[in-house]
Amino acid sequence: MSKLSVTRKASARIPTAHGDFQLCYYTNTLDSKEHLAFFMGDPASVDPLLVRVHSECFTGDVLGSRRCDCGEQLDRSMAMVARAGVGVVLYLRQEGRGIGLLEKLRAYNLQDEGFDTVDANLMLGHEADARDYSVAALMLEDLGVRSVRLMTNNPAKISALEAAGIDVRERVSLEVAANADNVDYLMTKAQRMNHLLHVKSVSSP
């Protein structure tokens, strides 16, 4: 089996509401997915660097779904990088904690029947969290990142990145306010997946 590697194929300036970023397109030898690096400034110039490793969530990132906190986390990460003037948001194509969009929609239907996000994944024959961060580590290395201040609420992500060779110097909280549609999901992440969240109950409208 060949050694895992990533290749930066192209990059371009992307002006956003938060300022100008560079978007880099990567291929890799692990899977056929196009993982992306979205950064501002020179990532190699700051140590430790503010970094978000964000897994794709079409429903939250693109459609603004209120079933999760993903879209708000992505926007907040970009805003925090912009305030710092330098930082990286990695966008990994591992929808639904690694199960893909089709299976995520099936999991949503099970959640609507009363099962939580962990049990829904397990009932469909998946792990509670099937994501892999080895490609992310190589992308950061390619960008010249030596150590990171990681924007996350997930201790398992910190452990996985450290196991892949990333020096995580600090965790930066990325909590967003719960709403009536995602409060149970956030509670499950806190109680069953050990996410560092302080979820407050939400009154139904």
N, C-alpha and C. Protein backbone atom coordinates (compact mmCIF):
# COMPACT_ATOMS: atom_id res chain seq x y z
N MET A 1 0.85 -1.20 0.00
CA MET A 1 0.00 0.00 0.00
C MET A 1 0.88 1.25 0.00
N SER A 2 0.56 2.19 -0.88
CA SER A 2 1.38 3.39 -1.00
C SER A 2 1.19 4.29 0.21
N LYS A 3 2.23 5.07 0.50
CA LYS A 3 2.19 5.99 1.63
C LYS A 3 1.17 7.09 1.36
N LEU A 4 0.42 7.46 2.39
CA LEU A 4 -0.56 8.53 2.26
C LEU A 4 0.12 9.84 1.92
N SER A 5 -0.41 10.55 0.94
CA SER A 5 0.14 11.85 0.56
C SER A 5 -0.98 12.74 0.06
N VAL A 6 -0.73 14.05 0.08
CA VAL A 6 -1.67 15.03 -0.47
C VAL A 6 -0.93 15.87 -1.50
N THR A 7 -1.70 16.40 -2.46
CA THR A 7 -1.12 17.26 -3.49
C THR A 7 -2.00 18.49 -3.65
N ARG A 8 -1.38 19.65 -3.52
CA ARG A 8 -2.10 20.90 -3.75
C ARG A 8 -2.17 21.14 -5.25
N LYS A 9 -3.39 21.15 -5.80
CA LYS A 9 -3.55 21.22 -7.26
C LYS A 9 -3.76 22.65 -7.76
N ALA A 10 -4.44 23.47 -6.98
CA ALA A 10 -4.73 24.84 -7.42
C ALA A 10 -5.17 25.66 -6.22
N SER A 11 -5.04 26.98 -6.34
CA SER A 11 -5.55 27.87 -5.30
C SER A 11 -6.01 29.16 -5.96
N ALA A 12 -6.95 29.82 -5.31
CA ALA A 12 -7.48 31.06 -5.86
C ALA A 12 -7.99 31.95 -4.74
N ARG A 13 -8.02 33.25 -4.99
CA ARG A 13 -8.54 34.23 -4.02
C ARG A 13 -10.05 34.16 -3.99
N ILE A 14 -10.61 34.10 -2.78
CA ILE A 14 -12.05 34.07 -2.60
C ILE A 14 -12.46 35.21 -1.68
N PRO A 15 -13.05 36.28 -2.22
CA PRO A 15 -13.52 37.37 -1.36
C PRO A 15 -14.80 36.96 -0.65
N THR A 16 -14.88 37.19 0.65
CA THR A 16 -16.06 36.82 1.43
C THR A 16 -16.50 38.01 2.27
N ALA A 17 -17.60 37.84 2.97
CA ALA A 17 -18.07 38.89 3.89
C ALA A 17 -17.07 39.14 5.02
N HIS A 18 -16.20 38.16 5.26
CA HIS A 18 -15.20 38.29 6.31
C HIS A 18 -13.85 38.77 5.79
N GLY A 19 -13.75 38.97 4.48
CA GLY A 19 -12.48 39.39 3.91
C GLY A 19 -12.00 38.40 2.85
N ASP A 20 -10.82 38.63 2.31
CA ASP A 20 -10.26 37.80 1.26
C ASP A 20 -9.54 36.58 1.83
N PHE A 21 -9.91 35.41 1.36
CA PHE A 21 -9.26 34.16 1.71
C PHE A 21 -8.64 33.55 0.46
N GLN A 22 -7.75 32.61 0.65
CA GLN A 22 -7.26 31.76 -0.42
C GLN A 22 -7.88 30.38 -0.26
N LEU A 23 -8.38 29.82 -1.35
CA LEU A 23 -8.95 28.48 -1.34
C LEU A 23 -8.03 27.55 -2.09
N CYS A 24 -7.55 26.51 -1.41
CA CYS A 24 -6.65 25.52 -2.01
C CYS A 24 -7.37 24.19 -2.17
N TYR A 25 -7.20 23.61 -3.34
CA TYR A 25 -7.83 22.34 -3.69
C TYR A 25 -6.77 21.24 -3.60
N TYR A 26 -7.07 20.21 -2.78
CA TYR A 26 -6.12 19.11 -2.58
C TYR A 26 -6.69 17.79 -3.09
N THR A 27 -5.83 16.99 -3.68
CA THR A 27 -6.13 15.58 -3.92
C THR A 27 -5.28 14.77 -2.94
N ASN A 28 -5.61 13.49 -2.82
CA ASN A 28 -4.86 12.66 -1.87
C ASN A 28 -4.91 11.20 -2.30
N THR A 29 -4.11 10.38 -1.66
CA THR A 29 -4.03 8.96 -2.01
C THR A 29 -4.89 8.08 -1.11
N LEU A 30 -5.65 8.68 -0.18
CA LEU A 30 -6.50 7.92 0.72
C LEU A 30 -7.89 7.67 0.14
N ASP A 31 -8.47 8.71 -0.45
CA ASP A 31 -9.82 8.60 -0.99
C ASP A 31 -9.93 9.44 -2.25
N SER A 32 -11.09 9.44 -2.86
CA SER A 32 -11.29 10.18 -4.11
C SER A 32 -11.91 11.55 -3.87
N LYS A 33 -11.90 12.00 -2.64
CA LYS A 33 -12.56 13.26 -2.30
C LYS A 33 -11.62 14.45 -2.44
N GLU A 34 -12.21 15.61 -2.73
CA GLU A 34 -11.44 16.84 -2.88
C GLU A 34 -11.55 17.64 -1.59
N HIS A 35 -10.54 17.52 -0.75
CA HIS A 35 -10.52 18.27 0.50
C HIS A 35 -9.94 19.66 0.24
N LEU A 36 -10.35 20.62 1.06
CA LEU A 36 -10.03 22.02 0.78
C LEU A 36 -9.40 22.70 1.99
N ALA A 37 -8.54 23.65 1.70
CA ALA A 37 -7.98 24.52 2.73
C ALA A 37 -8.37 25.95 2.40
N PHE A 38 -8.93 26.64 3.37
CA PHE A 38 -9.41 28.01 3.20
C PHE A 38 -8.63 28.84 4.21
N PHE A 39 -7.75 29.71 3.75
CA PHE A 39 -6.90 30.39 4.72
C PHE A 39 -6.74 31.87 4.41
N MET A 40 -6.34 32.60 5.44
CA MET A 40 -6.07 34.02 5.32
C MET A 40 -4.65 34.26 5.83
N GLY A 41 -3.91 35.16 5.17
CA GLY A 41 -2.54 35.44 5.58
C GLY A 41 -1.60 34.31 5.22
N ASP A 42 -0.45 34.29 5.86
CA ASP A 42 0.56 33.25 5.63
C ASP A 42 0.50 32.26 6.79
N PRO A 43 -0.04 31.06 6.56
CA PRO A 43 -0.19 30.10 7.66
C PRO A 43 1.12 29.73 8.34
N ALA A 44 2.22 29.83 7.61
CA ALA A 44 3.52 29.46 8.18
C ALA A 44 4.13 30.56 9.05
N SER A 45 3.47 31.73 9.09
CA SER A 45 4.07 32.88 9.79
C SER A 45 3.72 32.96 11.26
N VAL A 46 2.75 32.15 11.71
CA VAL A 46 2.28 32.22 13.09
C VAL A 46 2.36 30.84 13.73
N ASP A 47 2.84 30.79 14.95
CA ASP A 47 2.99 29.51 15.65
C ASP A 47 2.68 29.72 17.13
N PRO A 48 1.61 29.16 17.68
CA PRO A 48 0.65 28.27 17.02
C PRO A 48 -0.37 29.05 16.21
N LEU A 49 -0.94 28.40 15.20
CA LEU A 49 -1.86 29.04 14.27
C LEU A 49 -3.30 28.69 14.61
N LEU A 50 -4.19 29.68 14.47
CA LEU A 50 -5.62 29.45 14.66
C LEU A 50 -6.15 28.58 13.51
N VAL A 51 -6.72 27.42 13.85
CA VAL A 51 -7.14 26.44 12.83
C VAL A 51 -8.50 25.85 13.19
N ARG A 52 -9.32 25.68 12.18
CA ARG A 52 -10.57 24.93 12.29
C ARG A 52 -10.49 23.76 11.30
N VAL A 53 -10.74 22.55 11.79
CA VAL A 53 -10.84 21.38 10.91
C VAL A 53 -12.33 21.05 10.85
N HIS A 54 -12.97 21.43 9.74
CA HIS A 54 -14.43 21.39 9.61
C HIS A 54 -14.83 20.30 8.63
N SER A 55 -15.74 19.44 9.07
CA SER A 55 -16.24 18.39 8.19
C SER A 55 -17.48 18.88 7.45
N GLU A 56 -17.51 18.59 6.18
CA GLU A 56 -18.60 19.04 5.30
C GLU A 56 -19.97 18.72 5.89
N CYS A 57 -20.86 19.69 5.82
CA CYS A 57 -22.26 19.49 6.22
C CYS A 57 -23.11 20.26 5.23
N PHE A 58 -23.54 19.61 4.16
CA PHE A 58 -24.31 20.29 3.12
C PHE A 58 -25.56 20.94 3.71
N THR A 59 -26.26 20.21 4.57
CA THR A 59 -27.51 20.75 5.10
C THR A 59 -27.29 21.98 5.97
N GLY A 60 -26.24 21.97 6.78
CA GLY A 60 -25.99 23.10 7.65
C GLY A 60 -25.20 24.21 6.99
N ASP A 61 -24.13 23.84 6.26
CA ASP A 61 -23.24 24.84 5.66
C ASP A 61 -23.89 25.58 4.50
N VAL A 62 -24.66 24.85 3.69
CA VAL A 62 -25.23 25.43 2.46
C VAL A 62 -26.69 25.84 2.65
N LEU A 63 -27.49 24.96 3.25
CA LEU A 63 -28.92 25.21 3.36
C LEU A 63 -29.31 25.95 4.63
N GLY A 64 -28.38 26.06 5.57
CA GLY A 64 -28.69 26.74 6.82
C GLY A 64 -29.59 25.95 7.74
N SER A 65 -29.52 24.61 7.66
CA SER A 65 -30.36 23.76 8.51
C SER A 65 -30.13 24.08 9.98
N ARG A 66 -31.21 24.06 10.74
CA ARG A 66 -31.15 24.31 12.18
C ARG A 66 -31.07 23.01 12.99
N ARG A 67 -30.91 21.88 12.29
CA ARG A 67 -30.81 20.58 12.98
C ARG A 67 -29.44 20.38 13.63
N CYS A 68 -28.45 21.19 13.24
CA CYS A 68 -27.10 21.04 13.76
C CYS A 68 -26.52 22.43 14.02
N ASP A 69 -25.25 22.46 14.41
CA ASP A 69 -24.57 23.74 14.64
C ASP A 69 -23.46 23.98 13.63
N CYS A 70 -23.41 23.16 12.57
CA CYS A 70 -22.26 23.17 11.66
C CYS A 70 -22.10 24.48 10.88
N GLY A 71 -23.19 24.96 10.28
CA GLY A 71 -23.09 26.18 9.48
C GLY A 71 -22.65 27.36 10.32
N GLU A 72 -23.18 27.47 11.53
CA GLU A 72 -22.79 28.57 12.42
C GLU A 72 -21.34 28.43 12.85
N GLN A 73 -20.89 27.20 13.08
CA GLN A 73 -19.50 26.99 13.45
C GLN A 73 -18.55 27.38 12.31
N LEU A 74 -18.92 27.05 11.08
CA LEU A 74 -18.10 27.41 9.93
C LEU A 74 -18.00 28.92 9.79
N ASP A 75 -19.14 29.61 9.89
CA ASP A 75 -19.14 31.06 9.75
C ASP A 75 -18.34 31.71 10.89
N ARG A 76 -18.52 31.21 12.10
CA ARG A 76 -17.80 31.78 13.23
C ARG A 76 -16.29 31.54 13.10
N SER A 77 -15.92 30.38 12.58
CA SER A 77 -14.49 30.09 12.38
C SER A 77 -13.88 31.07 11.39
N MET A 78 -14.58 31.33 10.30
CA MET A 78 -14.08 32.29 9.31
C MET A 78 -13.95 33.67 9.93
N ALA A 79 -14.93 34.06 10.74
CA ALA A 79 -14.90 35.38 11.37
C ALA A 79 -13.72 35.47 12.34
N MET A 80 -13.44 34.40 13.06
CA MET A 80 -12.33 34.41 14.02
C MET A 80 -10.99 34.47 13.31
N VAL A 81 -10.86 33.76 12.20
CA VAL A 81 -9.64 33.84 11.40
C VAL A 81 -9.46 35.25 10.87
N ALA A 82 -10.55 35.85 10.39
CA ALA A 82 -10.48 37.21 9.85
C ALA A 82 -10.04 38.21 10.92
N ARG A 83 -10.57 38.05 12.13
CA ARG A 83 -10.18 38.95 13.21
C ARG A 83 -8.70 38.79 13.55
N ALA A 84 -8.21 37.56 13.49
CA ALA A 84 -6.80 37.30 13.78
C ALA A 84 -5.90 37.76 12.64
N GLY A 85 -6.46 37.83 11.43
CA GLY A 85 -5.67 38.24 10.26
C GLY A 85 -4.92 37.10 9.59
N VAL A 86 -4.86 35.95 10.26
CA VAL A 86 -4.18 34.79 9.70
C VAL A 86 -4.75 33.54 10.36
N GLY A 87 -4.93 32.49 9.57
CA GLY A 87 -5.47 31.24 10.10
C GLY A 87 -5.98 30.36 8.97
N VAL A 88 -6.38 29.15 9.33
CA VAL A 88 -6.79 28.17 8.33
C VAL A 88 -8.09 27.51 8.74
N VAL A 89 -8.98 27.35 7.78
CA VAL A 89 -10.16 26.49 7.93
C VAL A 89 -10.01 25.36 6.93
N LEU A 90 -9.82 24.14 7.41
CA LEU A 90 -9.81 22.99 6.52
C LEU A 90 -11.25 22.51 6.34
N TYR A 91 -11.61 22.21 5.09
CA TYR A 91 -12.97 21.74 4.79
C TYR A 91 -12.84 20.31 4.26
N LEU A 92 -13.13 19.35 5.14
CA LEU A 92 -12.97 17.94 4.80
C LEU A 92 -14.29 17.37 4.29
N ARG A 93 -14.21 16.61 3.21
CA ARG A 93 -15.42 16.09 2.58
C ARG A 93 -15.83 14.78 3.24
N GLN A 94 -16.28 14.87 4.48
CA GLN A 94 -16.75 13.69 5.21
C GLN A 94 -18.09 14.01 5.88
N GLU A 95 -19.07 14.11 5.00
CA GLU A 95 -20.44 14.46 5.38
C GLU A 95 -21.01 13.50 6.43
N GLY A 96 -21.78 14.07 7.34
CA GLY A 96 -22.49 13.24 8.31
C GLY A 96 -21.59 12.44 9.22
N ARG A 97 -20.51 13.07 9.70
CA ARG A 97 -19.50 12.38 10.51
C ARG A 97 -18.97 11.14 9.80
N GLY A 98 -18.89 11.26 8.47
CA GLY A 98 -18.24 10.22 7.68
C GLY A 98 -19.16 9.22 7.00
N ILE A 99 -20.49 9.35 7.16
CA ILE A 99 -21.39 8.35 6.57
C ILE A 99 -21.98 8.78 5.23
N GLY A 100 -21.79 10.04 4.85
CA GLY A 100 -22.30 10.51 3.57
C GLY A 100 -23.70 11.10 3.68
N LEU A 101 -24.07 11.87 2.68
CA LEU A 101 -25.35 12.60 2.74
C LEU A 101 -26.56 11.68 2.71
N LEU A 102 -26.54 10.65 1.87
CA LEU A 102 -27.68 9.74 1.79
C LEU A 102 -27.97 9.11 3.14
N GLU A 103 -26.94 8.58 3.77
CA GLU A 103 -27.13 7.93 5.07
C GLU A 103 -27.47 8.95 6.16
N LYS A 104 -26.97 10.17 6.01
CA LYS A 104 -27.32 11.18 7.00
C LYS A 104 -28.80 11.50 6.94
N LEU A 105 -29.36 11.57 5.74
CA LEU A 105 -30.79 11.83 5.62
C LEU A 105 -31.60 10.68 6.23
N ARG A 106 -31.13 9.46 6.03
CA ARG A 106 -31.80 8.31 6.66
C ARG A 106 -31.69 8.40 8.18
N ALA A 107 -30.54 8.85 8.67
CA ALA A 107 -30.36 9.02 10.10
C ALA A 107 -31.29 10.11 10.63
N TYR A 108 -31.48 11.18 9.87
CA TYR A 108 -32.40 12.23 10.27
C TYR A 108 -33.82 11.67 10.46
N ASN A 109 -34.24 10.79 9.56
CA ASN A 109 -35.57 10.22 9.68
C ASN A 109 -35.70 9.39 10.95
N LEU A 110 -34.64 8.68 11.30
CA LEU A 110 -34.66 7.92 12.55
C LEU A 110 -34.69 8.86 13.75
N GLN A 111 -33.99 9.98 13.65
CA GLN A 111 -34.02 10.95 14.74
C GLN A 111 -35.42 11.53 14.91
N ASP A 112 -36.12 11.73 13.80
CA ASP A 112 -37.49 12.22 13.89
C ASP A 112 -38.43 11.20 14.53
N GLU A 113 -38.00 9.93 14.55
CA GLU A 113 -38.79 8.88 15.20
C GLU A 113 -38.44 8.76 16.69
N GLY A 114 -37.43 9.55 17.13
CA GLY A 114 -37.11 9.57 18.56
C GLY A 114 -35.74 9.05 18.94
N PHE A 115 -34.97 8.54 17.97
CA PHE A 115 -33.63 8.06 18.27
C PHE A 115 -32.65 9.22 18.21
N ASP A 116 -31.60 9.17 19.03
CA ASP A 116 -30.64 10.25 18.99
C ASP A 116 -29.64 10.04 17.85
N THR A 117 -28.75 11.02 17.65
CA THR A 117 -27.84 10.99 16.50
C THR A 117 -26.86 9.82 16.57
N VAL A 118 -26.47 9.41 17.76
CA VAL A 118 -25.56 8.27 17.90
C VAL A 118 -26.28 6.98 17.56
N ASP A 119 -27.43 6.74 18.18
CA ASP A 119 -28.16 5.51 17.92
C ASP A 119 -28.61 5.41 16.46
N ALA A 120 -28.97 6.54 15.86
CA ALA A 120 -29.38 6.52 14.45
C ALA A 120 -28.25 6.02 13.57
N ASN A 121 -27.04 6.51 13.78
CA ASN A 121 -25.90 6.04 13.00
C ASN A 121 -25.65 4.54 13.23
N LEU A 122 -25.70 4.13 14.48
CA LEU A 122 -25.45 2.72 14.80
C LEU A 122 -26.51 1.81 14.20
N MET A 123 -27.77 2.25 14.21
CA MET A 123 -28.85 1.45 13.64
C MET A 123 -28.69 1.25 12.14
N LEU A 124 -28.01 2.21 11.49
CA LEU A 124 -27.77 2.10 10.05
C LEU A 124 -26.49 1.34 9.74
N GLY A 125 -25.82 0.84 10.77
CA GLY A 125 -24.63 0.03 10.56
C GLY A 125 -23.34 0.81 10.51
N HIS A 126 -23.36 2.05 10.99
CA HIS A 126 -22.17 2.91 10.96
C HIS A 126 -21.62 3.12 12.37
N GLU A 127 -20.42 3.67 12.44
CA GLU A 127 -19.88 4.11 13.71
C GLU A 127 -20.59 5.41 14.12
N ALA A 128 -20.51 5.72 15.40
CA ALA A 128 -21.06 6.99 15.85
C ALA A 128 -20.34 8.15 15.19
N ASP A 129 -19.03 7.99 14.97
CA ASP A 129 -18.21 9.01 14.29
C ASP A 129 -17.14 8.28 13.49
N ALA A 130 -17.29 8.31 12.16
CA ALA A 130 -16.39 7.56 11.28
C ALA A 130 -15.37 8.46 10.58
N ARG A 131 -15.15 9.65 11.10
CA ARG A 131 -14.26 10.59 10.41
C ARG A 131 -12.79 10.22 10.59
N ASP A 132 -11.98 10.65 9.62
CA ASP A 132 -10.54 10.40 9.62
C ASP A 132 -9.84 11.74 9.43
N TYR A 133 -8.76 11.97 10.19
CA TYR A 133 -8.08 13.26 10.13
C TYR A 133 -6.65 13.18 9.61
N SER A 134 -6.28 12.04 9.05
CA SER A 134 -4.91 11.89 8.56
C SER A 134 -4.62 12.81 7.38
N VAL A 135 -5.60 13.00 6.50
CA VAL A 135 -5.41 13.92 5.37
C VAL A 135 -5.28 15.36 5.88
N ALA A 136 -6.07 15.71 6.90
CA ALA A 136 -6.00 17.06 7.47
C ALA A 136 -4.60 17.36 7.98
N ALA A 137 -3.98 16.39 8.64
CA ALA A 137 -2.64 16.59 9.17
C ALA A 137 -1.64 16.88 8.05
N LEU A 138 -1.76 16.17 6.94
CA LEU A 138 -0.84 16.39 5.82
C LEU A 138 -1.10 17.72 5.13
N MET A 139 -2.35 18.15 5.07
CA MET A 139 -2.67 19.45 4.49
C MET A 139 -2.05 20.56 5.32
N LEU A 140 -2.15 20.45 6.64
CA LEU A 140 -1.55 21.46 7.51
C LEU A 140 -0.04 21.48 7.34
N GLU A 141 0.55 20.31 7.24
CA GLU A 141 2.00 20.22 7.01
C GLU A 141 2.38 20.89 5.70
N ASP A 142 1.58 20.67 4.66
CA ASP A 142 1.87 21.28 3.37
C ASP A 142 1.80 22.80 3.43
N LEU A 143 0.94 23.33 4.30
CA LEU A 143 0.78 24.77 4.44
C LEU A 143 1.84 25.38 5.37
N GLY A 144 2.71 24.54 5.91
CA GLY A 144 3.77 25.04 6.78
C GLY A 144 3.35 25.27 8.21
N VAL A 145 2.22 24.67 8.60
CA VAL A 145 1.72 24.85 9.96
C VAL A 145 2.49 23.94 10.91
N ARG A 146 3.02 24.51 11.99
CA ARG A 146 3.83 23.73 12.93
C ARG A 146 3.05 23.34 14.18
N SER A 147 2.19 24.21 14.67
CA SER A 147 1.34 23.90 15.82
C SER A 147 0.07 24.72 15.69
N VAL A 148 -0.98 24.30 16.41
CA VAL A 148 -2.29 24.93 16.19
C VAL A 148 -2.98 25.29 17.49
N ARG A 149 -3.82 26.31 17.37
CA ARG A 149 -4.86 26.63 18.35
C ARG A 149 -6.15 26.15 17.68
N LEU A 150 -6.66 25.03 18.13
CA LEU A 150 -7.73 24.35 17.39
C LEU A 150 -9.11 24.81 17.85
N MET A 151 -9.90 25.31 16.90
CA MET A 151 -11.27 25.71 17.17
C MET A 151 -12.16 24.46 17.12
N THR A 152 -12.56 23.97 18.30
CA THR A 152 -13.38 22.77 18.36
C THR A 152 -13.99 22.62 19.74
N ASN A 153 -15.06 21.84 19.80
CA ASN A 153 -15.64 21.44 21.09
C ASN A 153 -15.44 19.95 21.33
N ASN A 154 -14.72 19.29 20.43
CA ASN A 154 -14.65 17.83 20.39
C ASN A 154 -13.27 17.31 20.82
N PRO A 155 -13.15 16.77 22.03
CA PRO A 155 -11.85 16.25 22.47
C PRO A 155 -11.33 15.12 21.60
N ALA A 156 -12.23 14.33 21.02
CA ALA A 156 -11.80 13.22 20.16
C ALA A 156 -11.09 13.73 18.92
N LYS A 157 -11.49 14.90 18.44
CA LYS A 157 -10.81 15.49 17.28
C LYS A 157 -9.39 15.91 17.65
N ILE A 158 -9.24 16.46 18.84
CA ILE A 158 -7.90 16.84 19.31
C ILE A 158 -7.00 15.60 19.37
N SER A 159 -7.52 14.53 19.97
CA SER A 159 -6.75 13.30 20.11
C SER A 159 -6.37 12.72 18.76
N ALA A 160 -7.33 12.73 17.81
CA ALA A 160 -7.08 12.17 16.48
C ALA A 160 -6.02 12.98 15.74
N LEU A 161 -6.08 14.30 15.84
CA LEU A 161 -5.09 15.14 15.17
C LEU A 161 -3.71 14.97 15.80
N GLU A 162 -3.68 14.88 17.13
CA GLU A 162 -2.40 14.67 17.79
C GLU A 162 -1.80 13.33 17.40
N ALA A 163 -2.64 12.31 17.27
CA ALA A 163 -2.16 10.99 16.85
C ALA A 163 -1.63 11.03 15.42
N ALA A 164 -2.16 11.97 14.61
CA ALA A 164 -1.71 12.12 13.22
C ALA A 164 -0.50 13.04 13.11
N GLY A 165 0.01 13.52 14.24
CA GLY A 165 1.23 14.31 14.24
C GLY A 165 1.06 15.81 14.38
N ILE A 166 -0.16 16.28 14.67
CA ILE A 166 -0.39 17.71 14.83
C ILE A 166 -0.19 18.12 16.28
N ASP A 167 0.57 19.17 16.48
CA ASP A 167 0.83 19.71 17.82
C ASP A 167 -0.29 20.68 18.18
N VAL A 168 -1.25 20.20 18.98
CA VAL A 168 -2.38 21.05 19.40
C VAL A 168 -2.01 21.73 20.70
N ARG A 169 -1.73 23.03 20.63
CA ARG A 169 -1.29 23.78 21.81
C ARG A 169 -2.45 24.27 22.67
N GLU A 170 -3.59 24.51 22.01
CA GLU A 170 -4.72 25.12 22.74
C GLU A 170 -6.02 24.74 22.05
N ARG A 171 -7.07 24.57 22.86
CA ARG A 171 -8.42 24.40 22.31
C ARG A 171 -9.16 25.72 22.42
N VAL A 172 -9.73 26.17 21.32
CA VAL A 172 -10.54 27.39 21.30
C VAL A 172 -11.99 26.98 21.17
N SER A 173 -12.80 27.32 22.16
CA SER A 173 -14.21 26.93 22.17
C SER A 173 -14.95 27.49 20.96
N LEU A 174 -15.89 26.69 20.46
CA LEU A 174 -16.67 27.11 19.29
C LEU A 174 -18.15 26.80 19.52
N GLU A 175 -18.64 27.19 20.67
CA GLU A 175 -20.04 26.94 21.00
C GLU A 175 -20.95 27.96 20.33
N VAL A 176 -22.11 27.49 19.90
CA VAL A 176 -23.16 28.39 19.39
C VAL A 176 -24.43 28.11 20.18
N ALA A 177 -25.33 29.07 20.19
CA ALA A 177 -26.56 28.93 20.98
C ALA A 177 -27.44 27.83 20.39
N ALA A 178 -28.03 27.04 21.27
CA ALA A 178 -28.95 25.99 20.84
C ALA A 178 -30.27 26.60 20.39
N ASN A 179 -30.97 25.87 19.54
CA ASN A 179 -32.33 26.25 19.15
C ASN A 179 -33.24 25.03 19.35
N ALA A 180 -34.53 25.23 19.15
CA ALA A 180 -35.49 24.15 19.41
C ALA A 180 -35.26 22.93 18.53
N ASP A 181 -34.64 23.13 17.36
CA ASP A 181 -34.43 22.02 16.43
C ASP A 181 -33.15 21.25 16.67
N ASN A 182 -32.18 21.85 17.38
CA ASN A 182 -30.91 21.14 17.55
C ASN A 182 -30.52 20.90 19.01
N VAL A 183 -31.37 21.30 19.95
CA VAL A 183 -30.98 21.19 21.36
C VAL A 183 -30.76 19.73 21.77
N ASP A 184 -31.60 18.80 21.28
CA ASP A 184 -31.41 17.39 21.62
C ASP A 184 -30.13 16.85 21.00
N TYR A 185 -29.84 17.27 19.77
CA TYR A 185 -28.62 16.86 19.09
C TYR A 185 -27.39 17.33 19.86
N LEU A 186 -27.40 18.57 20.31
CA LEU A 186 -26.27 19.11 21.06
C LEU A 186 -26.13 18.42 22.41
N MET A 187 -27.27 18.10 23.05
CA MET A 187 -27.22 17.39 24.32
C MET A 187 -26.61 16.01 24.13
N THR A 188 -26.94 15.34 23.04
CA THR A 188 -26.37 14.02 22.76
C THR A 188 -24.87 14.12 22.54
N LYS A 189 -24.44 15.16 21.81
CA LYS A 189 -22.99 15.32 21.60
C LYS A 189 -22.28 15.53 22.94
N ALA A 190 -22.89 16.29 23.82
CA ALA A 190 -22.27 16.55 25.12
C ALA A 190 -22.27 15.30 26.00
N GLN A 191 -23.40 14.60 26.05
CA GLN A 191 -23.56 13.50 26.99
C GLN A 191 -23.00 12.17 26.49
N ARG A 192 -23.07 11.92 25.19
CA ARG A 192 -22.66 10.61 24.68
C ARG A 192 -21.37 10.65 23.88
N MET A 193 -20.96 11.86 23.41
CA MET A 193 -19.75 11.96 22.61
C MET A 193 -18.70 12.85 23.28
N ASN A 194 -19.01 13.26 24.51
CA ASN A 194 -18.07 14.01 25.35
C ASN A 194 -17.64 15.36 24.78
N HIS A 195 -18.48 15.97 23.94
CA HIS A 195 -18.16 17.30 23.45
C HIS A 195 -18.25 18.30 24.60
N LEU A 196 -17.37 19.29 24.56
CA LEU A 196 -17.28 20.28 25.63
C LEU A 196 -18.29 21.39 25.37
N LEU A 197 -19.53 21.12 25.74
CA LEU A 197 -20.64 22.03 25.48
C LEU A 197 -21.42 22.28 26.76
N HIS A 198 -21.98 23.48 26.86
CA HIS A 198 -22.85 23.84 27.97
C HIS A 198 -24.22 24.16 27.36
N VAL A 199 -25.01 23.12 27.17
CA VAL A 199 -26.26 23.27 26.43
C VAL A 199 -27.38 23.67 27.37
N LYS A 200 -28.05 24.77 27.03
CA LYS A 200 -29.18 25.22 27.82
C LYS A 200 -30.46 24.77 27.12
N SER A 201 -31.46 24.41 27.94
CA SER A 201 -32.74 23.99 27.38
C SER A 201 -33.37 25.15 26.62
N VAL A 202 -34.17 24.80 25.63
CA VAL A 202 -34.80 25.81 24.77
C VAL A 202 -36.31 25.61 24.82
N SER A 203 -37.03 26.69 25.04
CA SER A 203 -38.49 26.61 25.06
C SER A 203 -39.02 26.58 23.63
N SER A 204 -39.99 25.74 23.38
CA SER A 204 -40.59 25.68 22.04
C SER A 204 -41.40 26.94 21.82
N PRO A 205 -41.41 27.44 20.56
CA PRO A 205 -42.17 28.66 20.29
C PRO A 205 -43.66 28.44 20.45
